[in-house]
Amino acid sequence: MNMLRLSIMAGLCLLLCSCQQETKPEGADATSPVTGEVYVDGSPAEGLRVICHGADPDQQFPTVSLAVTDAEGKFAFATYTEGDGLREGEYVLTFDWRDGYAMVSGTPSGPDKLDNRYNAPGKSTTRLTVTAETPVDLGRIELTTK
């Protein structure tokens, strides 16, 4: 009986959490949608982490945002709410693709399928500039496992 109550309570908590409407905090910086898609060896890469780093390495509080590709390799960054994009600035992208992620912490586990070729911000060749309220479509980003 206790397990049934616990299951019902957990379900209600999930339902309530999913009903909350996401809103941008008052006074928050403007954002611009940033989208794209990632292909690896010519195919869409599902579950690949696209990590966006502020391009200025000397920033006191650097910006780091994360998006995960869907089954079609598509991704969209979020700052305050789903798909709202990034704040104005210069960014570099890195990529990390693993078989799994730790359940509790959400950190990547297992080897990077891209052999760590695309995960160093200082070596990244994928850069972008975001200007206030101007959408950025990065198009198709081609990566390779070789």
C-alpha atoms as a PDB file:
ATOM      1  CA  MET A   1       0.000   0.000   0.000  1.00  0.00           C
ATOM      2  CA  ASN A   2       2.835   2.420   0.808  1.00  0.00           C
ATOM      3  CA  MET A   3       4.399   1.803  -2.625  1.00  0.00           C
ATOM      4  CA  LEU A   4       1.065   2.676  -4.275  1.00  0.00           C
ATOM      5  CA  ARG A   5       0.854   5.946  -2.326  1.00  0.00           C
ATOM      6  CA  LEU A   6       4.462   6.751  -3.141  1.00  0.00           C
ATOM      7  CA  SER A   7       3.870   6.074  -6.844  1.00  0.00           C
ATOM      8  CA  ILE A   8       0.760   8.278  -6.894  1.00  0.00           C
ATOM      9  CA  MET A   9       2.575  11.103  -5.098  1.00  0.00           C
ATOM     10  CA  ALA A  10       5.536  10.883  -7.480  1.00  0.00           C
ATOM     11  CA  GLY A  11       3.180  10.992 -10.463  1.00  0.00           C
ATOM     12  CA  LEU A  12       1.386  14.041  -9.101  1.00  0.00           C
ATOM     13  CA  CYS A  13       4.695  15.825  -8.502  1.00  0.00           C
ATOM     14  CA  LEU A  14       5.766  15.161 -12.082  1.00  0.00           C
ATOM     15  CA  LEU A  15       2.418  16.390 -13.378  1.00  0.00           C
ATOM     16  CA  LEU A  16       2.609  19.598 -11.347  1.00  0.00           C
ATOM     17  CA  CYS A  17       6.201  20.251 -12.436  1.00  0.00           C
ATOM     18  CA  SER A  18       5.312  19.776 -16.094  1.00  0.00           C
ATOM     19  CA  CYS A  19       2.402  22.199 -15.821  1.00  0.00           C
ATOM     20  CA  GLN A  20       4.536  25.109 -14.651  1.00  0.00           C
ATOM     21  CA  GLN A  21       4.867  27.694 -17.362  1.00  0.00           C
ATOM     22  CA  GLU A  22       8.444  28.724 -18.035  1.00  0.00           C
ATOM     23  CA  THR A  23       8.950  32.456 -18.119  1.00  0.00           C
ATOM     24  CA  LYS A  24      11.947  34.693 -18.597  1.00  0.00           C
ATOM     25  CA  PRO A  25      12.945  36.403 -15.329  1.00  0.00           C
ATOM     26  CA  GLU A  26      12.072  40.084 -15.070  1.00  0.00           C
ATOM     27  CA  GLY A  27      14.995  42.247 -16.183  1.00  0.00           C
ATOM     28  CA  ALA A  28      16.726  39.318 -17.911  1.00  0.00           C
ATOM     29  CA  ASP A  29      18.965  39.957 -20.912  1.00  0.00           C
ATOM     30  CA  ALA A  30      17.424  39.604 -24.372  1.00  0.00           C
ATOM     31  CA  THR A  31      18.104  36.322 -26.152  1.00  0.00           C
ATOM     32  CA  SER A  32      18.090  35.190 -29.767  1.00  0.00           C
ATOM     33  CA  PRO A  33      17.163  31.692 -30.950  1.00  0.00           C
ATOM     34  CA  VAL A  34      20.200  29.610 -31.947  1.00  0.00           C
ATOM     35  CA  THR A  35      19.537  26.357 -33.786  1.00  0.00           C
ATOM     36  CA  GLY A  36      21.363  23.893 -35.983  1.00  0.00           C
ATOM     37  CA  GLU A  37      21.887  20.239 -36.719  1.00  0.00           C
ATOM     38  CA  VAL A  38      24.847  17.922 -36.304  1.00  0.00           C
ATOM     39  CA  TYR A  39      25.775  15.091 -38.648  1.00  0.00           C
ATOM     40  CA  VAL A  40      28.556  12.618 -37.926  1.00  0.00           C
ATOM     41  CA  ASP A  41      30.021  10.674 -40.845  1.00  0.00           C
ATOM     42  CA  GLY A  42      27.098  11.831 -43.006  1.00  0.00           C
ATOM     43  CA  SER A  43      24.262  10.783 -40.647  1.00  0.00           C
ATOM     44  CA  PRO A  44      22.227  12.705 -38.040  1.00  0.00           C
ATOM     45  CA  ALA A  45      23.797  12.342 -34.585  1.00  0.00           C
ATOM     46  CA  GLU A  46      21.184  11.668 -31.902  1.00  0.00           C
ATOM     47  CA  GLY A  47      22.100  12.373 -28.269  1.00  0.00           C
ATOM     48  CA  LEU A  48      25.192  14.420 -29.090  1.00  0.00           C
ATOM     49  CA  ARG A  49      25.896  17.239 -26.632  1.00  0.00           C
ATOM     50  CA  VAL A  50      26.520  20.643 -28.223  1.00  0.00           C
ATOM     51  CA  ILE A  51      28.234  22.877 -25.673  1.00  0.00           C
ATOM     52  CA  CYS A  52      28.363  26.631 -26.200  1.00  0.00           C
ATOM     53  CA  HIS A  53      31.179  28.545 -24.489  1.00  0.00           C
ATOM     54  CA  GLY A  54      31.699  32.302 -24.267  1.00  0.00           C
ATOM     55  CA  ALA A  55      34.555  33.115 -26.680  1.00  0.00           C
ATOM     56  CA  ASP A  56      36.364  35.410 -24.219  1.00  0.00           C
ATOM     57  CA  PRO A  57      38.525  33.101 -22.055  1.00  0.00           C
ATOM     58  CA  ASP A  58      39.196  35.938 -19.587  1.00  0.00           C
ATOM     59  CA  GLN A  59      35.530  36.487 -18.712  1.00  0.00           C
ATOM     60  CA  GLN A  60      35.007  36.582 -14.951  1.00  0.00           C
ATOM     61  CA  PHE A  61      31.701  34.678 -15.239  1.00  0.00           C
ATOM     62  CA  PRO A  62      31.884  32.693 -18.488  1.00  0.00           C
ATOM     63  CA  THR A  63      28.724  31.608 -20.239  1.00  0.00           C
ATOM     64  CA  VAL A  64      28.248  27.900 -20.931  1.00  0.00           C
ATOM     65  CA  SER A  65      25.044  26.527 -22.450  1.00  0.00           C
ATOM     66  CA  LEU A  66      24.197  22.982 -23.449  1.00  0.00           C
ATOM     67  CA  ALA A  67      21.885  21.484 -26.048  1.00  0.00           C
ATOM     68  CA  VAL A  68      21.370  17.823 -26.956  1.00  0.00           C
ATOM     69  CA  THR A  69      20.580  16.712 -30.492  1.00  0.00           C
ATOM     70  CA  ASP A  70      17.361  14.875 -31.297  1.00  0.00           C
ATOM     71  CA  ALA A  71      16.897  11.876 -33.623  1.00  0.00           C
ATOM     72  CA  GLU A  72      17.310  14.164 -36.652  1.00  0.00           C
ATOM     73  CA  GLY A  73      20.506  15.709 -35.257  1.00  0.00           C
ATOM     74  CA  LYS A  74      18.732  19.019 -34.538  1.00  0.00           C
ATOM     75  CA  PHE A  75      19.347  21.180 -31.485  1.00  0.00           C
ATOM     76  CA  ALA A  76      18.238  24.519 -30.003  1.00  0.00           C
ATOM     77  CA  PHE A  77      19.933  26.403 -27.182  1.00  0.00           C
ATOM     78  CA  ALA A  78      18.067  27.736 -24.163  1.00  0.00           C
ATOM     79  CA  THR A  79      19.034  30.360 -21.607  1.00  0.00           C
ATOM     80  CA  TYR A  80      15.850  31.044 -19.632  1.00  0.00           C
ATOM     81  CA  THR A  81      13.127  29.006 -21.349  1.00  0.00           C
ATOM     82  CA  GLU A  82      13.078  26.185 -23.874  1.00  0.00           C
ATOM     83  CA  GLY A  83      14.368  27.310 -27.268  1.00  0.00           C
ATOM     84  CA  ASP A  84      14.809  30.995 -26.342  1.00  0.00           C
ATOM     85  CA  GLY A  85      18.439  30.896 -27.439  1.00  0.00           C
ATOM     86  CA  LEU A  86      21.493  32.757 -26.199  1.00  0.00           C
ATOM     87  CA  ARG A  87      22.348  36.224 -24.977  1.00  0.00           C
ATOM     88  CA  GLU A  88      24.207  38.616 -27.247  1.00  0.00           C
ATOM     89  CA  GLY A  89      27.892  37.751 -27.580  1.00  0.00           C
ATOM     90  CA  GLU A  90      30.652  35.745 -29.221  1.00  0.00           C
ATOM     91  CA  TYR A  91      30.677  31.984 -28.710  1.00  0.00           C
ATOM     92  CA  VAL A  92      32.541  28.809 -29.642  1.00  0.00           C
ATOM     93  CA  LEU A  93      30.939  25.363 -29.826  1.00  0.00           C
ATOM     94  CA  THR A  94      32.325  22.051 -28.671  1.00  0.00           C
ATOM     95  CA  PHE A  95      30.839  18.596 -29.179  1.00  0.00           C
ATOM     96  CA  ASP A  96      30.684  15.503 -26.981  1.00  0.00           C
ATOM     97  CA  TRP A  97      28.997  12.212 -27.958  1.00  0.00           C
ATOM     98  CA  ARG A  98      28.845   9.321 -25.547  1.00  0.00           C
ATOM     99  CA  ASP A  99      26.776   6.189 -25.127  1.00  0.00           C
ATOM    100  CA  GLY A 100      25.408   7.171 -21.743  1.00  0.00           C
ATOM    101  CA  TYR A 101      25.126   9.678 -18.957  1.00  0.00           C
ATOM    102  CA  ALA A 102      25.211   9.099 -15.211  1.00  0.00           C
ATOM    103  CA  MET A 103      21.640   8.927 -13.915  1.00  0.00           C
ATOM    104  CA  VAL A 104      22.144  11.089 -10.833  1.00  0.00           C
ATOM    105  CA  SER A 105      24.543  13.782 -12.036  1.00  0.00           C
ATOM    106  CA  GLY A 106      23.755  13.766 -15.769  1.00  0.00           C
ATOM    107  CA  THR A 107      27.478  13.797 -16.533  1.00  0.00           C
ATOM    108  CA  PRO A 108      28.735  11.898 -19.572  1.00  0.00           C
ATOM    109  CA  SER A 109      29.929   8.340 -19.106  1.00  0.00           C
ATOM    110  CA  GLY A 110      31.905   6.118 -21.420  1.00  0.00           C
ATOM    111  CA  PRO A 111      34.330   7.150 -24.132  1.00  0.00           C
ATOM    112  CA  ASP A 112      33.625  10.042 -26.491  1.00  0.00           C
ATOM    113  CA  LYS A 113      32.616   8.543 -29.852  1.00  0.00           C
ATOM    114  CA  LEU A 114      34.335  11.521 -31.488  1.00  0.00           C
ATOM    115  CA  ASP A 115      37.633  10.577 -29.804  1.00  0.00           C
ATOM    116  CA  ASN A 116      37.808  13.960 -27.979  1.00  0.00           C
ATOM    117  CA  ARG A 117      38.519  15.762 -31.291  1.00  0.00           C
ATOM    118  CA  TYR A 118      35.818  18.406 -30.830  1.00  0.00           C
ATOM    119  CA  ASN A 119      35.668  19.029 -27.065  1.00  0.00           C
ATOM    120  CA  ALA A 120      38.315  21.742 -26.486  1.00  0.00           C
ATOM    121  CA  PRO A 121      37.012  25.342 -26.701  1.00  0.00           C
ATOM    122  CA  GLY A 122      40.494  26.669 -27.518  1.00  0.00           C
ATOM    123  CA  LYS A 123      40.720  24.438 -30.602  1.00  0.00           C
ATOM    124  CA  SER A 124      37.148  24.852 -31.828  1.00  0.00           C
ATOM    125  CA  THR A 125      36.610  26.088 -35.358  1.00  0.00           C
ATOM    126  CA  THR A 126      32.845  26.422 -34.866  1.00  0.00           C
ATOM    127  CA  ARG A 127      32.209  30.003 -33.802  1.00  0.00           C
ATOM    128  CA  LEU A 128      29.159  32.226 -33.815  1.00  0.00           C
ATOM    129  CA  THR A 129      28.055  35.746 -33.038  1.00  0.00           C
ATOM    130  CA  VAL A 130      24.672  36.386 -31.472  1.00  0.00           C
ATOM    131  CA  THR A 131      23.090  39.813 -31.751  1.00  0.00           C
ATOM    132  CA  ALA A 132      20.018  40.882 -29.827  1.00  0.00           C
ATOM    133  CA  GLU A 133      16.781  39.347 -31.084  1.00  0.00           C
ATOM    134  CA  THR A 134      18.253  38.088 -34.385  1.00  0.00           C
ATOM    135  CA  PRO A 135      17.803  34.315 -34.875  1.00  0.00           C
ATOM    136  CA  VAL A 136      20.929  32.312 -35.752  1.00  0.00           C
ATOM    137  CA  ASP A 137      20.605  29.130 -37.820  1.00  0.00           C
ATOM    138  CA  LEU A 138      23.940  27.332 -37.839  1.00  0.00           C
ATOM    139  CA  GLY A 139      22.715  24.937 -40.512  1.00  0.00           C
ATOM    140  CA  ARG A 140      24.336  21.512 -40.744  1.00  0.00           C
ATOM    141  CA  ILE A 141      27.540  20.976 -38.804  1.00  0.00           C
ATOM    142  CA  GLU A 142      29.526  18.038 -40.184  1.00  0.00           C
ATOM    143  CA  LEU A 143      31.744  16.065 -37.807  1.00  0.00           C
ATOM    144  CA  THR A 144      33.652  12.829 -38.298  1.00  0.00           C
ATOM    145  CA  THR A 145      34.693   9.883 -36.132  1.00  0.00           C
ATOM    146  CA  LYS A 146      37.893   9.444 -38.154  1.00  0.00           C
END
